[in-house]
Amino acid sequence: MLYKLLLISLFLSGCFTGQDFSHERYMKSLIGTEFKEYAEKYFTYYTRRTVTRKDKPWLMNETFRWTETLNQKQPNGTHIYKYANPFSNCKITLLVNQEGIVINDYSQGDDCDA
């Protein structure tokens, strides 16, 4: 019995940490792409599975847009963009060079890896 419990806990922890790593890997894989392409892939529409109220199916997809909170041009020609997830504690900051290429991204908030 203890062996089965250990296997189940290892499996579940592997699933959860694998999801966190894949999200981080996905974010970093978009560095070097054009900002418009990055925004289209990541910020235009985001779908997540949610547990809903009793009057709806218990598991459904929820679609929403990220909210742009900052679009600022720096003196050296780079842009800083900030986006916020309207339904969770997650904000993402992008640094875009003069050619429109994403050179770095930062996530902030407890729900960014979920």
N, C-alpha and C. Protein backbone atom coordinates (compact mmCIF):
# COMPACT_ATOMS: atom_id res chain seq x y z
N MET A 1 0.83 -1.20 0.00
CA MET A 1 0.00 0.00 0.00
C MET A 1 0.87 1.26 0.00
N LEU A 2 1.90 1.24 0.83
CA LEU A 2 2.80 2.39 0.91
C LEU A 2 3.52 2.59 -0.42
N TYR A 3 3.87 1.49 -1.07
CA TYR A 3 4.53 1.55 -2.36
C TYR A 3 3.64 2.21 -3.41
N LYS A 4 2.36 1.84 -3.44
CA LYS A 4 1.41 2.44 -4.39
C LYS A 4 1.23 3.92 -4.12
N LEU A 5 1.14 4.29 -2.86
CA LEU A 5 0.99 5.69 -2.49
C LEU A 5 2.21 6.50 -2.92
N LEU A 6 3.39 5.93 -2.75
CA LEU A 6 4.62 6.59 -3.17
C LEU A 6 4.66 6.77 -4.68
N LEU A 7 4.27 5.75 -5.43
CA LEU A 7 4.23 5.85 -6.88
C LEU A 7 3.25 6.92 -7.36
N ILE A 8 2.09 6.96 -6.75
CA ILE A 8 1.09 7.96 -7.13
C ILE A 8 1.58 9.36 -6.82
N SER A 9 2.18 9.55 -5.66
CA SER A 9 2.68 10.89 -5.32
C SER A 9 3.82 11.31 -6.24
N LEU A 10 4.71 10.38 -6.61
CA LEU A 10 5.77 10.71 -7.56
C LEU A 10 5.20 11.09 -8.93
N PHE A 11 4.19 10.35 -9.38
CA PHE A 11 3.56 10.64 -10.66
C PHE A 11 2.91 12.02 -10.65
N LEU A 12 2.15 12.32 -9.60
CA LEU A 12 1.47 13.62 -9.54
C LEU A 12 2.45 14.77 -9.43
N SER A 13 3.49 14.62 -8.63
CA SER A 13 4.47 15.71 -8.53
C SER A 13 5.21 15.89 -9.84
N GLY A 14 5.46 14.82 -10.55
CA GLY A 14 6.10 14.92 -11.86
C GLY A 14 5.22 15.63 -12.87
N CYS A 15 3.93 15.38 -12.82
CA CYS A 15 3.01 16.07 -13.73
C CYS A 15 2.97 17.56 -13.46
N PHE A 16 2.90 17.93 -12.19
CA PHE A 16 2.79 19.35 -11.86
C PHE A 16 4.08 20.09 -12.16
N THR A 17 5.22 19.54 -11.83
CA THR A 17 6.48 20.23 -12.13
C THR A 17 6.75 20.23 -13.62
N GLY A 18 6.34 19.19 -14.32
CA GLY A 18 6.50 19.16 -15.77
C GLY A 18 5.71 20.27 -16.43
N GLN A 19 4.53 20.58 -15.91
CA GLN A 19 3.73 21.66 -16.47
C GLN A 19 4.41 23.00 -16.24
N ASP A 20 4.97 23.20 -15.06
CA ASP A 20 5.67 24.46 -14.78
C ASP A 20 6.86 24.63 -15.70
N PHE A 21 7.64 23.58 -15.87
CA PHE A 21 8.81 23.68 -16.73
C PHE A 21 8.41 23.90 -18.18
N SER A 22 7.35 23.26 -18.65
CA SER A 22 6.95 23.43 -20.04
C SER A 22 6.45 24.84 -20.29
N HIS A 23 5.77 25.46 -19.32
CA HIS A 23 5.32 26.84 -19.48
C HIS A 23 6.52 27.77 -19.58
N GLU A 24 7.48 27.60 -18.69
CA GLU A 24 8.68 28.43 -18.71
C GLU A 24 9.46 28.21 -20.01
N ARG A 25 9.58 26.98 -20.44
CA ARG A 25 10.28 26.67 -21.68
C ARG A 25 9.55 27.30 -22.87
N TYR A 26 8.23 27.26 -22.86
CA TYR A 26 7.45 27.87 -23.94
C TYR A 26 7.68 29.38 -23.98
N MET A 27 7.66 30.03 -22.82
CA MET A 27 7.90 31.48 -22.78
C MET A 27 9.28 31.81 -23.34
N LYS A 28 10.30 31.09 -22.92
CA LYS A 28 11.66 31.36 -23.37
C LYS A 28 11.86 31.00 -24.83
N SER A 29 11.09 30.06 -25.36
CA SER A 29 11.24 29.69 -26.77
C SER A 29 10.77 30.79 -27.70
N LEU A 30 9.96 31.71 -27.20
CA LEU A 30 9.46 32.80 -28.05
C LEU A 30 10.42 33.98 -28.11
N ILE A 31 11.48 33.99 -27.28
CA ILE A 31 12.49 35.05 -27.37
C ILE A 31 13.21 34.91 -28.70
N GLY A 32 13.39 36.02 -29.38
CA GLY A 32 14.01 36.02 -30.70
C GLY A 32 13.00 36.08 -31.83
N THR A 33 11.71 35.99 -31.51
CA THR A 33 10.68 36.11 -32.53
C THR A 33 10.24 37.57 -32.62
N GLU A 34 9.55 37.89 -33.69
CA GLU A 34 9.02 39.25 -33.83
C GLU A 34 7.94 39.47 -32.78
N PHE A 35 7.84 40.70 -32.30
CA PHE A 35 6.88 41.01 -31.25
C PHE A 35 5.46 40.71 -31.69
N LYS A 36 5.10 41.06 -32.92
CA LYS A 36 3.73 40.81 -33.39
C LYS A 36 3.42 39.32 -33.38
N GLU A 37 4.39 38.50 -33.78
CA GLU A 37 4.20 37.05 -33.76
C GLU A 37 4.09 36.54 -32.33
N TYR A 38 4.93 37.05 -31.44
CA TYR A 38 4.91 36.67 -30.02
C TYR A 38 3.55 37.01 -29.42
N ALA A 39 3.10 38.25 -29.65
CA ALA A 39 1.81 38.69 -29.10
C ALA A 39 0.67 37.86 -29.66
N GLU A 40 0.74 37.52 -30.94
CA GLU A 40 -0.31 36.71 -31.55
C GLU A 40 -0.35 35.31 -30.94
N LYS A 41 0.81 34.73 -30.68
CA LYS A 41 0.86 33.38 -30.12
C LYS A 41 0.49 33.35 -28.65
N TYR A 42 0.86 34.39 -27.90
CA TYR A 42 0.72 34.29 -26.46
C TYR A 42 -0.38 35.16 -25.87
N PHE A 43 -0.58 36.36 -26.38
CA PHE A 43 -1.47 37.30 -25.70
C PHE A 43 -2.83 37.51 -26.37
N THR A 44 -3.00 37.13 -27.62
CA THR A 44 -4.25 37.44 -28.29
C THR A 44 -5.42 36.75 -27.60
N TYR A 45 -5.42 35.44 -27.59
CA TYR A 45 -6.45 34.70 -26.85
C TYR A 45 -5.76 33.57 -26.12
N TYR A 46 -6.14 33.39 -24.89
CA TYR A 46 -5.55 32.36 -24.04
C TYR A 46 -6.69 31.52 -23.52
N THR A 47 -6.56 30.22 -23.62
CA THR A 47 -7.60 29.31 -23.16
C THR A 47 -7.08 28.50 -21.99
N ARG A 48 -7.87 28.41 -20.96
CA ARG A 48 -7.49 27.57 -19.83
C ARG A 48 -8.69 26.74 -19.41
N ARG A 49 -8.42 25.61 -18.83
CA ARG A 49 -9.50 24.77 -18.31
C ARG A 49 -9.82 25.23 -16.90
N THR A 50 -11.10 25.36 -16.61
CA THR A 50 -11.50 25.86 -15.31
C THR A 50 -12.60 24.98 -14.72
N VAL A 51 -12.68 25.00 -13.43
CA VAL A 51 -13.81 24.38 -12.73
C VAL A 51 -14.85 25.48 -12.59
N THR A 52 -16.05 25.22 -13.06
CA THR A 52 -17.07 26.27 -13.13
C THR A 52 -18.15 26.05 -12.08
N ARG A 53 -19.15 26.93 -12.14
CA ARG A 53 -20.29 26.83 -11.22
C ARG A 53 -21.09 25.56 -11.49
N LYS A 54 -22.01 25.25 -10.58
CA LYS A 54 -22.78 24.02 -10.67
C LYS A 54 -23.72 24.00 -11.87
N ASP A 55 -24.15 25.16 -12.34
CA ASP A 55 -25.11 25.18 -13.44
C ASP A 55 -24.45 25.00 -14.80
N LYS A 56 -23.13 24.90 -14.84
CA LYS A 56 -22.41 24.68 -16.10
C LYS A 56 -21.66 23.36 -15.99
N PRO A 57 -21.16 22.85 -17.11
CA PRO A 57 -20.34 21.64 -17.02
C PRO A 57 -19.17 21.86 -16.07
N TRP A 58 -18.75 20.83 -15.40
CA TRP A 58 -17.73 20.99 -14.35
C TRP A 58 -16.37 21.36 -14.91
N LEU A 59 -16.12 21.06 -16.18
CA LEU A 59 -14.83 21.41 -16.77
C LEU A 59 -15.09 22.02 -18.14
N MET A 60 -14.63 23.23 -18.34
CA MET A 60 -14.85 23.87 -19.64
C MET A 60 -13.66 24.75 -19.96
N ASN A 61 -13.56 25.18 -21.20
CA ASN A 61 -12.50 26.09 -21.60
C ASN A 61 -12.98 27.52 -21.42
N GLU A 62 -12.11 28.35 -20.90
CA GLU A 62 -12.42 29.76 -20.69
C GLU A 62 -11.47 30.56 -21.58
N THR A 63 -12.00 31.40 -22.45
CA THR A 63 -11.17 32.16 -23.38
C THR A 63 -11.23 33.63 -23.01
N PHE A 64 -10.08 34.28 -23.01
CA PHE A 64 -10.02 35.70 -22.68
C PHE A 64 -8.80 36.33 -23.34
N ARG A 65 -8.76 37.65 -23.34
CA ARG A 65 -7.62 38.40 -23.85
C ARG A 65 -6.79 38.90 -22.69
N TRP A 66 -5.47 38.92 -22.88
CA TRP A 66 -4.58 39.58 -21.93
C TRP A 66 -4.77 41.08 -22.08
N THR A 67 -4.59 41.84 -21.02
CA THR A 67 -4.76 43.29 -21.03
C THR A 67 -3.40 43.96 -21.10
N GLU A 68 -3.22 44.82 -22.10
CA GLU A 68 -1.96 45.57 -22.21
C GLU A 68 -2.00 46.71 -21.20
N THR A 69 -1.03 46.74 -20.28
CA THR A 69 -1.00 47.76 -19.24
C THR A 69 0.09 48.80 -19.46
N LEU A 70 1.04 48.52 -20.34
CA LEU A 70 2.11 49.48 -20.60
C LEU A 70 2.64 49.27 -22.01
N ASN A 71 2.85 50.38 -22.73
CA ASN A 71 3.49 50.37 -24.04
C ASN A 71 4.36 51.61 -24.06
N GLN A 72 5.63 51.44 -23.72
CA GLN A 72 6.50 52.59 -23.52
C GLN A 72 7.76 52.47 -24.37
N LYS A 73 8.07 53.53 -25.12
CA LYS A 73 9.30 53.57 -25.92
C LYS A 73 10.40 54.21 -25.09
N GLN A 74 11.56 53.55 -25.06
CA GLN A 74 12.71 54.04 -24.32
C GLN A 74 13.56 54.96 -25.20
N PRO A 75 14.42 55.82 -24.60
CA PRO A 75 15.27 56.72 -25.39
C PRO A 75 16.20 55.99 -26.36
N ASN A 76 16.60 54.77 -26.04
CA ASN A 76 17.50 54.03 -26.94
C ASN A 76 16.76 53.30 -28.06
N GLY A 77 15.44 53.44 -28.14
CA GLY A 77 14.66 52.85 -29.22
C GLY A 77 13.97 51.55 -28.87
N THR A 78 14.29 50.96 -27.74
CA THR A 78 13.61 49.72 -27.35
C THR A 78 12.23 50.05 -26.78
N HIS A 79 11.37 49.06 -26.78
CA HIS A 79 10.02 49.19 -26.23
C HIS A 79 9.88 48.28 -25.02
N ILE A 80 9.09 48.72 -24.06
CA ILE A 80 8.70 47.88 -22.93
C ILE A 80 7.19 47.71 -23.00
N TYR A 81 6.76 46.46 -23.03
CA TYR A 81 5.33 46.14 -23.04
C TYR A 81 5.03 45.35 -21.78
N LYS A 82 3.90 45.63 -21.16
CA LYS A 82 3.44 44.85 -20.01
C LYS A 82 2.02 44.38 -20.29
N TYR A 83 1.78 43.12 -19.97
CA TYR A 83 0.46 42.52 -20.13
C TYR A 83 0.05 41.89 -18.81
N ALA A 84 -1.24 41.96 -18.51
CA ALA A 84 -1.78 41.37 -17.29
C ALA A 84 -2.88 40.38 -17.65
N ASN A 85 -2.89 39.28 -16.93
CA ASN A 85 -3.95 38.30 -17.06
C ASN A 85 -5.13 38.79 -16.22
N PRO A 86 -6.30 38.99 -16.82
CA PRO A 86 -7.42 39.57 -16.07
C PRO A 86 -8.04 38.64 -15.03
N PHE A 87 -7.73 37.35 -15.08
CA PHE A 87 -8.36 36.40 -14.16
C PHE A 87 -7.42 35.78 -13.15
N SER A 88 -6.14 36.13 -13.19
CA SER A 88 -5.21 35.55 -12.22
C SER A 88 -4.10 36.54 -11.92
N ASN A 89 -3.28 36.21 -10.96
CA ASN A 89 -2.18 37.07 -10.55
C ASN A 89 -0.96 36.76 -11.42
N CYS A 90 -0.97 37.26 -12.65
CA CYS A 90 0.15 37.03 -13.56
C CYS A 90 0.32 38.24 -14.46
N LYS A 91 1.53 38.78 -14.47
CA LYS A 91 1.87 39.91 -15.35
C LYS A 91 3.15 39.54 -16.09
N ILE A 92 3.20 39.88 -17.36
CA ILE A 92 4.37 39.57 -18.18
C ILE A 92 4.89 40.86 -18.78
N THR A 93 6.20 41.06 -18.66
CA THR A 93 6.87 42.23 -19.21
C THR A 93 7.76 41.78 -20.36
N LEU A 94 7.70 42.49 -21.47
CA LEU A 94 8.50 42.16 -22.65
C LEU A 94 9.43 43.31 -22.97
N LEU A 95 10.64 43.00 -23.36
CA LEU A 95 11.60 43.98 -23.84
C LEU A 95 11.82 43.70 -25.32
N VAL A 96 11.51 44.70 -26.16
CA VAL A 96 11.56 44.54 -27.61
C VAL A 96 12.57 45.53 -28.18
N ASN A 97 13.47 45.05 -29.05
CA ASN A 97 14.49 45.94 -29.60
C ASN A 97 13.93 46.81 -30.73
N GLN A 98 14.80 47.62 -31.35
CA GLN A 98 14.37 48.58 -32.37
C GLN A 98 13.79 47.89 -33.61
N GLU A 99 14.21 46.66 -33.89
CA GLU A 99 13.71 45.93 -35.06
C GLU A 99 12.41 45.19 -34.78
N GLY A 100 11.90 45.27 -33.56
CA GLY A 100 10.65 44.61 -33.22
C GLY A 100 10.82 43.16 -32.79
N ILE A 101 12.03 42.78 -32.38
CA ILE A 101 12.32 41.42 -31.94
C ILE A 101 12.30 41.37 -30.41
N VAL A 102 11.63 40.38 -29.85
CA VAL A 102 11.59 40.20 -28.40
C VAL A 102 12.96 39.73 -27.94
N ILE A 103 13.60 40.51 -27.05
CA ILE A 103 14.92 40.13 -26.56
C ILE A 103 14.88 39.57 -25.15
N ASN A 104 13.82 39.82 -24.41
CA ASN A 104 13.68 39.22 -23.09
C ASN A 104 12.24 39.34 -22.61
N ASP A 105 11.85 38.42 -21.74
CA ASP A 105 10.53 38.49 -21.12
C ASP A 105 10.64 38.09 -19.66
N TYR A 106 9.80 38.70 -18.86
CA TYR A 106 9.79 38.46 -17.42
C TYR A 106 8.36 38.21 -16.99
N SER A 107 8.17 37.20 -16.16
CA SER A 107 6.83 36.96 -15.61
C SER A 107 6.86 37.26 -14.13
N GLN A 108 5.73 37.76 -13.65
CA GLN A 108 5.62 38.18 -12.26
C GLN A 108 4.25 37.79 -11.75
N GLY A 109 4.19 37.11 -10.62
CA GLY A 109 2.92 36.72 -10.04
C GLY A 109 2.89 35.25 -9.68
N ASP A 110 2.02 34.93 -8.75
CA ASP A 110 1.92 33.55 -8.26
C ASP A 110 1.32 32.59 -9.27
N ASP A 111 0.48 33.08 -10.18
CA ASP A 111 -0.24 32.20 -11.09
C ASP A 111 0.39 32.09 -12.47
N CYS A 112 1.57 32.61 -12.68
CA CYS A 112 2.17 32.59 -14.01
C CYS A 112 2.55 31.19 -14.47
N ASP A 113 2.90 30.31 -13.56
CA ASP A 113 3.31 28.98 -13.95
C ASP A 113 2.18 27.97 -13.89
N ALA A 114 0.99 28.42 -13.58
CA ALA A 114 -0.13 27.48 -13.48
C ALA A 114 -0.79 27.27 -14.81
